[in-house]
N, C-alpha and C. Protein backbone atom coordinates (compact mmCIF):
# COMPACT_ATOMS: atom_id res chain seq x y z
N MET A 1 50.54 75.97 7.10
CA MET A 1 51.89 75.95 7.00
C MET A 1 52.51 75.38 8.36
N LYS A 2 51.91 75.62 9.45
CA LYS A 2 52.24 75.33 10.68
C LYS A 2 52.47 73.72 10.86
N ARG A 3 50.89 73.58 10.39
CA ARG A 3 50.36 72.03 10.15
C ARG A 3 51.14 71.17 9.44
N LEU A 4 51.47 71.73 8.32
CA LEU A 4 52.52 70.58 7.33
C LEU A 4 53.99 70.50 8.03
N VAL A 5 54.39 71.21 8.76
CA VAL A 5 56.08 71.04 9.25
C VAL A 5 55.47 70.50 10.50
N LEU A 6 54.52 70.82 11.06
CA LEU A 6 53.98 69.36 12.63
C LEU A 6 54.17 68.26 11.77
N VAL A 7 53.48 67.73 11.04
CA VAL A 7 53.10 66.41 10.50
C VAL A 7 54.83 65.85 9.22
N ALA A 8 55.55 67.18 9.11
CA ALA A 8 56.57 66.63 8.36
C ALA A 8 57.73 65.93 10.09
N LEU A 9 56.83 66.60 11.31
CA LEU A 9 57.96 66.32 11.94
C LEU A 9 57.58 64.87 12.84
N VAL A 10 56.82 64.74 12.91
CA VAL A 10 55.84 63.42 13.17
C VAL A 10 56.31 62.38 12.63
N ALA A 11 56.23 62.76 11.07
CA ALA A 11 56.61 61.53 10.32
C ALA A 11 58.24 61.83 10.58
N VAL A 12 59.02 62.12 10.37
CA VAL A 12 60.61 62.05 10.14
C VAL A 12 60.62 61.64 11.96
N SER A 13 60.21 61.95 12.97
CA SER A 13 60.16 61.72 14.12
C SER A 13 59.61 60.16 14.83
N GLY A 14 59.06 59.69 13.69
CA GLY A 14 58.48 58.29 13.78
C GLY A 14 59.17 57.37 12.91
N LEU A 15 60.02 57.68 11.76
CA LEU A 15 60.96 56.91 10.89
C LEU A 15 62.51 56.84 11.96
N PHE A 16 62.61 57.80 13.00
CA PHE A 16 64.12 57.58 13.08
C PHE A 16 63.68 56.87 14.61
N SER A 17 62.69 56.89 15.24
CA SER A 17 62.33 56.44 16.20
C SER A 17 62.43 54.45 16.49
N GLY A 18 61.77 54.46 15.15
CA GLY A 18 61.61 53.05 15.31
C GLY A 18 62.58 52.16 13.70
N GLY A 19 62.97 53.27 12.97
CA GLY A 19 63.76 52.64 11.81
C GLY A 19 65.03 52.02 12.38
N CYS A 20 65.93 52.76 12.82
CA CYS A 20 66.91 52.45 13.69
C CYS A 20 67.20 51.62 14.97
N GLN A 21 68.08 50.43 14.84
CA GLN A 21 67.81 49.64 16.02
C GLN A 21 69.70 50.56 17.01
N SER A 22 70.41 50.77 16.29
CA SER A 22 71.44 51.42 17.47
C SER A 22 71.90 52.74 17.49
N ASN A 23 71.92 52.92 18.73
CA ASN A 23 71.86 54.10 19.21
C ASN A 23 73.30 54.78 18.77
N LYS A 24 74.12 54.06 17.90
CA LYS A 24 75.36 54.14 17.61
C LYS A 24 75.50 55.54 16.75
N ASP A 25 74.21 55.00 15.57
CA ASP A 25 74.28 55.20 14.31
C ASP A 25 74.40 56.93 14.09
N PRO A 26 75.12 57.30 13.18
CA PRO A 26 75.80 58.80 13.67
C PRO A 26 74.49 59.69 12.50
N VAL A 27 73.92 58.94 11.44
CA VAL A 27 73.36 59.55 10.49
C VAL A 27 71.96 59.90 11.28
N ARG A 28 71.39 58.70 12.73
CA ARG A 28 70.32 58.96 13.13
C ARG A 28 70.44 59.82 14.45
N ASP A 29 71.96 60.32 15.06
CA ASP A 29 72.06 60.79 15.76
C ASP A 29 71.48 62.41 14.81
N GLN A 30 72.26 62.32 14.16
CA GLN A 30 72.51 64.15 13.33
C GLN A 30 70.76 63.96 12.91
N MET A 31 70.46 63.18 12.77
CA MET A 31 68.86 63.59 12.20
C MET A 31 67.99 64.14 13.72
N GLN A 32 68.52 63.33 14.66
CA GLN A 32 67.85 63.47 15.88
C GLN A 32 67.86 65.54 16.23
N ILE A 33 69.28 65.46 16.11
CA ILE A 33 69.73 67.07 16.03
C ILE A 33 69.13 68.00 15.74
N GLU A 34 68.75 67.51 14.24
CA GLU A 34 68.13 68.57 13.12
C GLU A 34 66.55 68.83 13.39
N LEU A 35 65.87 67.56 14.41
CA LEU A 35 64.57 67.18 14.58
C LEU A 35 64.24 68.54 15.34
N GLN A 36 64.90 68.33 16.42
CA GLN A 36 65.21 69.01 17.77
C GLN A 36 65.21 70.77 17.58
N GLY A 37 65.90 70.84 16.38
CA GLY A 37 66.41 71.99 15.92
C GLY A 37 65.06 72.70 15.33
N LEU A 38 64.43 72.05 14.44
CA LEU A 38 62.97 72.17 13.99
C LEU A 38 61.94 72.55 14.79
N ARG A 39 61.52 71.56 15.85
CA ARG A 39 60.72 71.79 16.66
C ARG A 39 61.07 72.84 17.59
N ASP A 40 62.72 73.53 18.09
CA ASP A 40 62.30 75.11 18.21
C ASP A 40 62.09 75.63 17.18
N ARG A 41 62.69 75.77 16.53
CA ARG A 41 61.86 76.78 14.87
C ARG A 41 60.41 76.96 15.24
N VAL A 42 59.65 76.30 15.15
CA VAL A 42 58.15 76.02 15.12
C VAL A 42 57.45 76.69 16.63
N ASN A 43 58.51 76.26 18.00
CA ASN A 43 58.11 76.63 18.82
C ASN A 43 58.03 77.84 18.76
N ALA A 44 59.10 78.85 18.56
CA ALA A 44 59.67 80.12 18.50
C ALA A 44 58.38 80.59 17.52
N MET A 45 58.29 80.23 16.30
CA MET A 45 57.57 80.58 15.66
C MET A 45 55.90 80.79 16.19
N GLU A 46 55.05 79.82 16.44
CA GLU A 46 54.64 79.71 17.08
C GLU A 46 54.42 80.77 18.63
N GLN A 47 54.99 81.45 19.43
CA GLN A 47 55.40 81.99 20.39
C GLN A 47 55.39 83.59 19.87
N ARG A 48 55.77 83.67 18.38
CA ARG A 48 55.62 85.30 17.32
C ARG A 48 54.16 85.43 16.89
N VAL A 49 54.00 84.29 16.48
CA VAL A 49 52.47 84.45 16.36
C VAL A 49 51.85 84.54 16.96
N ALA A 50 51.29 83.81 18.24
CA ALA A 50 50.80 84.61 19.75
C ALA A 50 50.76 85.88 20.01
N GLY A 51 52.35 86.52 19.88
CA GLY A 51 52.80 87.82 20.35
C GLY A 51 51.70 88.70 19.50
N MET A 52 52.08 88.60 18.37
CA MET A 52 51.37 89.31 17.18
C MET A 52 50.27 89.38 17.10
N GLN A 53 48.74 88.18 17.41
CA GLN A 53 47.43 88.51 17.95
C GLN A 53 47.27 89.09 19.14
N ALA A 54 48.14 89.17 19.82
CA ALA A 54 47.94 90.44 21.08
C ALA A 54 47.92 91.58 21.01
N VAL A 55 48.46 92.15 19.79
CA VAL A 55 48.68 93.41 20.10
C VAL A 55 47.55 94.39 18.64
N PRO A 56 47.04 95.22 19.31
CA PRO A 56 46.07 95.86 18.39
C PRO A 56 46.68 96.28 17.54
N ALA A 57 45.87 96.63 16.21
CA ALA A 57 46.52 97.07 15.13
C ALA A 57 45.91 98.96 15.46
N PRO A 58 46.91 99.61 14.93
CA PRO A 58 46.38 101.06 14.82
C PRO A 58 45.37 101.51 14.12
N ALA A 59 44.34 102.21 14.87
CA ALA A 59 43.23 102.31 13.41
C ALA A 59 43.74 103.41 12.24
N PRO A 60 43.12 102.72 11.29
CA PRO A 60 43.95 103.39 10.32
C PRO A 60 42.80 104.59 9.64
N VAL A 61 43.59 105.87 8.68
CA VAL A 61 42.50 107.30 8.58
C VAL A 61 41.46 106.32 8.13
N GLY A 62 39.81 107.31 8.22
CA GLY A 62 38.83 106.77 8.22
C GLY A 62 37.89 105.88 9.22
N MET A 63 38.99 105.77 10.12
CA MET A 63 38.26 104.50 11.24
C MET A 63 38.36 105.33 12.27
N ALA A 64 37.13 105.10 13.04
CA ALA A 64 36.80 105.75 14.43
C ALA A 64 37.95 104.84 15.62
N GLY A 65 37.66 105.64 16.70
CA GLY A 65 38.71 105.27 17.65
C GLY A 65 38.78 103.60 18.04
N GLY A 66 37.62 102.96 18.14
CA GLY A 66 37.24 101.93 18.37
C GLY A 66 37.60 101.18 17.13
N GLY A 67 38.02 101.33 16.15
CA GLY A 67 37.60 100.31 14.81
C GLY A 67 37.18 100.44 13.79
N GLU A 68 35.81 101.11 14.32
CA GLU A 68 34.65 100.90 13.34
C GLU A 68 34.95 101.96 12.70
N VAL A 69 34.69 101.56 11.01
CA VAL A 69 34.66 102.61 9.99
C VAL A 69 33.58 103.89 10.11
N PHE A 70 34.16 104.71 10.13
CA PHE A 70 32.63 105.94 10.03
C PHE A 70 32.34 106.40 8.57
N ASN A 71 31.47 105.67 7.89
CA ASN A 71 31.31 105.85 6.71
C ASN A 71 30.26 107.13 6.47
N GLU A 72 30.01 107.82 6.95
CA GLU A 72 29.44 108.99 6.46
C GLU A 72 29.28 110.17 5.13
N PRO A 73 28.48 110.60 4.63
CA PRO A 73 28.44 111.03 3.35
C PRO A 73 28.77 112.80 3.93
N GLY A 74 30.60 113.23 3.40
CA GLY A 74 30.74 114.94 3.81
C GLY A 74 31.81 114.35 5.31
N VAL A 75 31.72 113.43 5.92
CA VAL A 75 32.98 113.78 7.19
C VAL A 75 33.87 112.64 7.08
N THR A 76 35.04 112.88 6.99
CA THR A 76 36.09 112.07 7.19
C THR A 76 37.23 112.24 8.55
N VAL A 77 37.66 111.19 8.72
CA VAL A 77 37.74 110.89 10.37
C VAL A 77 39.54 110.63 10.02
N HIS A 78 40.36 111.34 11.05
CA HIS A 78 41.77 111.49 10.87
C HIS A 78 42.04 112.18 12.40
N GLY A 79 43.69 111.76 12.35
CA GLY A 79 44.76 112.43 13.44
C GLY A 79 44.57 113.49 13.32
N GLY A 80 45.59 114.19 14.70
CA GLY A 80 46.30 115.12 14.52
C GLY A 80 46.88 116.24 15.73
N PRO A 81 47.75 117.11 15.10
CA PRO A 81 48.55 117.54 16.04
C PRO A 81 47.48 117.57 18.03
N GLY A 82 47.93 116.91 18.66
CA GLY A 82 47.43 117.40 20.09
C GLY A 82 46.20 116.46 20.20
N ALA A 83 45.45 115.70 18.86
CA ALA A 83 44.19 114.98 18.66
C ALA A 83 44.04 113.71 18.94
N ALA A 84 43.47 113.44 19.58
CA ALA A 84 43.38 111.41 19.59
C ALA A 84 42.63 111.32 17.99
N GLN A 85 41.73 112.32 17.95
CA GLN A 85 40.87 112.31 16.47
C GLN A 85 40.34 113.15 16.20
N VAL A 86 40.06 113.59 14.73
CA VAL A 86 39.61 114.50 14.33
C VAL A 86 38.50 113.84 13.62
N TYR A 87 37.25 114.71 13.88
CA TYR A 87 36.17 114.15 12.91
C TYR A 87 35.90 115.46 11.62
N ASP A 88 36.39 115.79 10.51
CA ASP A 88 36.29 116.71 9.46
C ASP A 88 34.56 116.86 8.97
N VAL A 89 33.86 117.34 9.34
CA VAL A 89 32.64 117.73 8.71
C VAL A 89 32.35 118.68 7.48
N ALA A 90 31.94 118.20 6.05
CA ALA A 90 32.06 119.50 5.33
C ALA A 90 30.99 120.53 5.57
N GLY A 91 31.34 121.50 5.43
CA GLY A 91 30.30 122.80 5.95
C GLY A 91 29.03 122.90 4.76
N ASP A 92 29.23 122.31 3.52
CA ASP A 92 28.36 122.28 2.97
C ASP A 92 26.65 121.04 3.31
N VAL A 93 27.69 120.18 4.27
CA VAL A 93 26.85 119.08 4.53
C VAL A 93 26.30 119.66 5.52
N LEU A 94 26.61 120.14 6.43
CA LEU A 94 26.27 120.75 7.30
C LEU A 94 25.32 122.15 7.74
N PHE A 95 25.37 123.18 6.55
CA PHE A 95 24.93 124.20 6.49
C PHE A 95 24.73 124.67 5.06
N ALA A 96 23.59 125.65 4.73
CA ALA A 96 23.20 126.27 3.29
C ALA A 96 24.42 127.97 3.39
N SER A 97 24.55 127.39 2.60
CA SER A 97 25.36 129.04 2.23
C SER A 97 25.02 130.09 3.42
N GLY A 98 26.33 130.75 3.82
CA GLY A 98 25.33 131.43 4.82
C GLY A 98 24.94 131.62 5.94
N SER A 99 24.44 130.27 6.34
CA SER A 99 23.60 130.26 7.52
C SER A 99 24.67 129.29 8.49
N ALA A 100 24.38 129.38 9.70
CA ALA A 100 24.54 128.47 10.86
C ALA A 100 23.35 127.76 11.42
N SER A 101 22.45 127.35 10.51
CA SER A 101 21.47 126.10 11.18
C SER A 101 21.57 125.37 10.35
N ILE A 102 22.24 124.06 11.46
CA ILE A 102 22.38 122.43 10.70
C ILE A 102 20.94 122.14 9.86
N ARG A 103 21.52 121.91 8.58
CA ARG A 103 20.84 120.99 8.23
C ARG A 103 19.91 119.18 8.59
N SER A 104 18.99 119.45 8.52
CA SER A 104 18.42 118.39 8.70
C SER A 104 19.50 116.95 8.31
N THR A 105 19.36 116.93 6.96
CA THR A 105 20.15 115.95 6.56
C THR A 105 21.62 115.30 7.21
N ALA A 106 22.10 116.60 8.09
CA ALA A 106 23.32 116.07 8.82
C ALA A 106 23.08 115.52 10.08
N ARG A 107 22.29 115.51 10.82
CA ARG A 107 21.72 115.26 11.95
C ARG A 107 22.12 113.75 12.12
N ARG A 108 21.82 112.83 11.03
CA ARG A 108 22.73 111.68 11.61
C ARG A 108 23.99 110.91 11.32
N SER A 109 24.49 112.25 10.90
CA SER A 109 26.35 112.20 11.21
C SER A 109 26.69 112.82 12.35
N LEU A 110 25.91 113.74 12.99
CA LEU A 110 26.20 114.27 14.18
C LEU A 110 25.94 113.38 15.31
N ASP A 111 24.59 112.36 14.93
CA ASP A 111 24.42 111.74 15.55
C ASP A 111 25.25 110.40 16.03
N ARG A 112 25.92 110.18 15.28
CA ARG A 112 26.87 109.11 15.20
C ARG A 112 27.94 109.75 15.93
N ILE A 113 28.67 111.06 15.38
CA ILE A 113 29.83 111.54 16.31
C ILE A 113 29.66 111.81 17.93
N ALA A 114 28.23 111.69 18.03
CA ALA A 114 28.13 112.01 19.86
C ALA A 114 27.76 111.10 20.43
N GLN A 115 27.70 109.86 19.68
CA GLN A 115 27.66 108.69 20.13
C GLN A 115 28.99 108.31 20.65
N GLN A 116 29.97 108.49 19.75
CA GLN A 116 31.48 108.17 19.84
C GLN A 116 31.99 109.01 20.82
N LEU A 117 31.49 110.24 20.88
CA LEU A 117 31.97 111.30 21.83
C LEU A 117 31.51 110.79 23.54
N ASN A 118 30.42 110.22 23.29
CA ASN A 118 30.08 109.87 24.97
C ASN A 118 30.74 108.16 24.93
N GLY A 119 30.92 107.66 24.21
CA GLY A 119 31.43 106.52 24.37
C GLY A 119 32.71 106.18 24.60
N GLN A 120 33.78 105.72 23.43
CA GLN A 120 35.36 105.85 23.48
C GLN A 120 35.87 106.83 23.85
N TRP A 121 35.51 107.88 23.42
CA TRP A 121 36.09 109.44 24.16
C TRP A 121 35.41 110.13 24.88
N ALA A 122 34.98 109.22 26.17
CA ALA A 122 34.40 110.00 26.75
C ALA A 122 34.86 111.11 28.13
N GLY A 123 35.90 110.34 28.37
CA GLY A 123 37.07 111.36 29.23
C GLY A 123 37.99 112.07 28.37
N ASN A 124 37.82 112.45 26.95
CA ASN A 124 38.49 113.39 26.36
C ASN A 124 37.43 114.64 26.19
N ARG A 125 38.52 115.73 26.39
CA ARG A 125 37.65 117.10 25.88
C ARG A 125 37.48 117.03 24.30
N ILE A 126 36.66 117.64 24.15
CA ILE A 126 36.70 118.48 22.45
C ILE A 126 36.52 119.73 22.22
N LYS A 127 37.20 120.25 20.92
CA LYS A 127 37.28 121.31 20.32
C LYS A 127 36.51 121.25 19.12
N VAL A 128 35.28 122.24 18.86
CA VAL A 128 34.48 122.37 18.02
C VAL A 128 34.97 123.25 17.16
N VAL A 129 35.91 123.73 15.78
CA VAL A 129 36.34 124.47 15.11
C VAL A 129 35.43 124.91 13.94
N GLY A 130 35.25 126.19 13.98
CA GLY A 130 34.47 126.66 12.79
C GLY A 130 35.59 126.79 11.89
N HIS A 131 35.23 127.14 10.20
CA HIS A 131 36.13 127.24 9.03
C HIS A 131 35.23 127.81 8.15
N THR A 132 35.80 128.69 7.28
CA THR A 132 35.00 129.10 6.32
C THR A 132 35.96 129.25 4.94
N ASP A 133 35.33 130.16 3.76
CA ASP A 133 36.35 130.04 2.79
C ASP A 133 36.52 131.32 2.61
N SER A 134 37.46 131.95 2.24
CA SER A 134 38.06 133.44 2.11
C SER A 134 37.22 134.84 1.13
N ASP A 135 35.60 133.61 0.94
CA ASP A 135 35.22 135.20 -0.13
C ASP A 135 34.27 135.87 0.65
N PRO A 136 34.12 137.39 0.80
CA PRO A 136 33.45 137.68 1.37
C PRO A 136 32.20 137.71 1.65
N ILE A 137 32.00 138.05 3.04
CA ILE A 137 30.29 137.65 2.84
C ILE A 137 29.53 138.44 2.61
N ARG A 138 28.17 138.38 2.24
CA ARG A 138 27.95 139.30 1.23
C ARG A 138 26.17 139.34 1.12
N ARG A 139 25.81 138.01 1.43
CA ARG A 139 24.36 138.00 1.54
C ARG A 139 23.69 137.03 2.83
N SER A 140 24.56 137.63 3.87
CA SER A 140 24.04 136.83 5.08
C SER A 140 24.01 137.96 6.35
N LYS A 141 23.70 137.64 7.79
CA LYS A 141 23.70 138.64 8.51
C LYS A 141 24.86 138.53 9.45
N TRP A 142 25.97 137.58 8.86
CA TRP A 142 27.20 137.20 9.56
C TRP A 142 28.19 139.03 9.31
N PRO A 143 28.96 139.19 10.21
CA PRO A 143 29.93 140.89 9.59
C PRO A 143 30.78 140.15 8.96
N SER A 144 31.45 138.64 9.38
CA SER A 144 32.57 138.92 8.71
C SER A 144 32.95 137.20 8.68
N ASN A 145 33.87 136.35 8.19
CA ASN A 145 33.46 135.01 8.18
C ASN A 145 34.17 134.16 9.23
N ASP A 146 34.71 135.27 10.26
CA ASP A 146 35.38 134.81 11.53
C ASP A 146 33.61 134.94 12.34
N ALA A 147 32.89 135.59 11.92
CA ALA A 147 31.67 135.40 12.85
C ALA A 147 30.74 134.35 12.58
N LEU A 148 31.05 133.94 11.16
CA LEU A 148 30.50 132.94 10.44
C LEU A 148 30.82 131.64 11.17
N SER A 149 32.38 131.68 10.86
CA SER A 149 32.36 130.27 11.73
C SER A 149 32.62 129.68 13.16
N MET A 150 32.80 131.09 14.01
CA MET A 150 32.20 131.35 14.90
C MET A 150 30.80 130.43 15.06
N ALA A 151 30.25 130.43 14.98
CA ALA A 151 28.06 130.99 14.82
C ALA A 151 27.74 129.11 14.28
N ARG A 152 28.51 128.81 13.38
CA ARG A 152 28.63 127.47 12.80
C ARG A 152 29.06 126.43 14.03
N ALA A 153 30.48 127.09 14.68
CA ALA A 153 30.74 125.74 15.58
C ALA A 153 29.88 126.05 17.00
N GLN A 154 29.59 126.90 16.94
CA GLN A 154 28.15 126.94 18.24
C GLN A 154 27.18 126.51 17.82
N ALA A 155 26.70 126.03 16.61
CA ALA A 155 25.64 125.72 16.25
C ALA A 155 25.96 124.40 16.58
N VAL A 156 27.17 123.57 16.00
CA VAL A 156 27.32 122.11 16.25
C VAL A 156 27.97 121.80 18.00
N LEU A 157 28.00 122.57 18.58
CA LEU A 157 28.47 122.22 20.01
C LEU A 157 27.29 122.05 20.89
N ASP A 158 26.45 123.27 20.17
CA ASP A 158 24.88 122.87 21.02
C ASP A 158 24.05 121.68 20.03
N TYR A 159 23.83 121.37 19.41
CA TYR A 159 23.74 120.13 19.07
C TYR A 159 24.14 118.76 19.60
N LEU A 160 26.01 118.56 19.84
CA LEU A 160 26.27 117.83 20.59
C LEU A 160 26.03 117.82 22.15
N ALA A 161 25.44 118.75 22.77
CA ALA A 161 25.31 119.01 23.97
C ALA A 161 23.68 118.66 23.81
N GLY A 162 22.69 118.78 22.95
CA GLY A 162 21.53 118.16 22.92
C GLY A 162 21.38 116.99 23.09
N LYS A 163 22.54 116.10 22.27
CA LYS A 163 22.47 114.46 21.69
C LYS A 163 23.11 113.78 23.25
N GLY A 164 23.80 115.03 24.72
CA GLY A 164 24.21 114.08 25.38
C GLY A 164 25.49 114.14 26.15
N VAL A 165 26.23 115.43 25.04
CA VAL A 165 27.85 115.25 25.06
C VAL A 165 28.08 116.45 26.16
N ASP A 166 28.53 116.50 27.33
CA ASP A 166 28.91 117.28 27.78
C ASP A 166 29.11 118.65 27.92
N ARG A 167 28.89 119.21 28.20
CA ARG A 167 28.78 120.76 27.44
C ARG A 167 29.99 121.44 27.62
N GLY A 168 30.59 120.84 29.24
CA GLY A 168 31.60 121.58 30.39
C GLY A 168 33.01 120.27 29.69
N ARG A 169 33.15 119.60 28.77
CA ARG A 169 34.16 119.27 28.39
C ARG A 169 34.31 119.59 26.32
N MET A 170 33.36 121.10 26.16
CA MET A 170 33.30 121.29 24.84
C MET A 170 33.62 122.93 25.01
N LEU A 171 34.39 123.38 23.87
CA LEU A 171 34.56 124.65 23.70
C LEU A 171 34.49 124.79 22.13
N ALA A 172 33.98 126.16 21.83
CA ALA A 172 33.84 126.61 20.31
C ALA A 172 34.61 127.65 19.55
N GLN A 173 35.51 127.63 18.58
CA GLN A 173 36.30 128.31 18.45
C GLN A 173 36.16 128.26 17.02
N GLY A 174 35.96 129.57 16.16
CA GLY A 174 36.12 129.94 14.81
C GLY A 174 37.29 130.44 14.08
N LEU A 175 37.87 130.06 13.34
CA LEU A 175 39.05 130.58 13.11
C LEU A 175 39.07 131.26 11.17
N GLY A 176 37.66 131.43 10.94
CA GLY A 176 37.59 132.13 9.82
C GLY A 176 37.99 131.28 7.99
N SER A 177 38.76 132.02 7.67
CA SER A 177 39.21 131.58 6.48
C SER A 177 41.01 131.39 6.52
N SER A 178 41.35 131.46 7.80
CA SER A 178 42.76 131.31 8.27
C SER A 178 43.65 130.49 8.06
N GLU A 179 42.45 129.17 7.97
CA GLU A 179 43.53 127.43 7.82
C GLU A 179 42.37 126.72 6.56
N PRO A 180 43.00 127.65 5.46
CA PRO A 180 42.31 127.29 4.03
C PRO A 180 43.20 125.38 3.22
N LYS A 181 41.96 124.99 2.82
CA LYS A 181 42.50 123.68 2.26
C LYS A 181 42.83 123.77 0.85
N ALA A 182 42.85 123.01 0.11
CA ALA A 182 43.22 123.23 -1.33
C ALA A 182 42.26 123.31 -1.87
N THR A 183 41.10 123.65 -1.51
CA THR A 183 39.96 124.30 -2.57
C THR A 183 38.40 124.69 -1.59
N LYS A 184 37.97 125.70 -1.77
CA LYS A 184 37.07 126.79 -1.49
C LYS A 184 36.01 125.62 -0.63
N ALA A 185 35.61 124.94 -1.57
CA ALA A 185 34.71 123.91 -0.97
C ALA A 185 35.29 123.23 0.34
N ALA A 186 36.64 122.40 0.15
CA ALA A 186 37.00 121.72 1.44
C ALA A 186 37.40 122.82 2.20
N SER A 187 37.65 124.20 2.22
CA SER A 187 37.96 125.05 3.32
C SER A 187 36.31 125.37 4.41
N ARG A 188 35.59 125.06 3.62
CA ARG A 188 34.20 125.27 4.42
C ARG A 188 34.36 123.93 5.24
N ARG A 189 34.23 123.74 6.34
CA ARG A 189 33.94 122.62 7.67
C ARG A 189 33.95 123.04 8.80
N VAL A 190 33.50 121.77 9.62
CA VAL A 190 33.55 122.07 11.20
C VAL A 190 34.37 120.95 11.80
N GLU A 191 35.43 120.91 12.10
CA GLU A 191 36.07 119.95 12.62
C GLU A 191 35.70 119.58 14.20
N ILE A 192 35.15 118.74 14.41
CA ILE A 192 34.95 117.85 16.10
C ILE A 192 36.58 117.50 16.06
N VAL A 193 37.30 118.16 17.08
CA VAL A 193 38.57 117.59 17.18
C VAL A 193 38.43 117.05 18.67
N VAL A 194 39.04 115.92 18.63
CA VAL A 194 39.25 115.29 20.33
C VAL A 194 40.42 115.24 20.93
N LEU A 195 40.60 115.97 21.95
CA LEU A 195 41.58 116.43 22.18
C LEU A 195 42.82 115.23 22.97
N SER A 196 43.61 115.06 22.65
CA SER A 196 44.48 113.97 23.27
C SER A 196 44.46 114.11 24.64
N ARG A 197 44.42 113.03 25.91
CA ARG A 197 44.25 112.98 27.49
C ARG A 197 45.92 113.40 27.85
């Protein structure tokens, strides 16, 4: 579009610079005024385009803070109140039912999260929050959902600390079933909350 306008401007200006001999030609004068107006508009558009390229777009949902797509099974990335970013990790991905031992298959996702916590989020504090569904505990050593959710949050915190995330920046919290989601499966989760500075 910009090139087309510039080519048109050059053609019109060439026509009028050599096509008429008289400086008193009113048509030529009007065309030169219109040509200058077009040049001004092109300059204004170029400045707007340059300004738009300099402004980074905000990271959409599912993007990590640096704009990288975080594409790991069972992990969603979003913002939240008071949070720069939240990694929402499905409990069924992290743990077997009634357990607080991290599955080996979940380590890759946690490793990527640890990398980002040590990278673009290195200056932020982190809250690791465990959640459960509302089903009563029946077949595990945990006396309650609150105790299980706290043990799971602590297990994730310990894992991240083992991957180099400073333990002093993190705290664990267990909320049990107090913040349910639409389904029981979705309610079972660990949120790694990167707090805003």
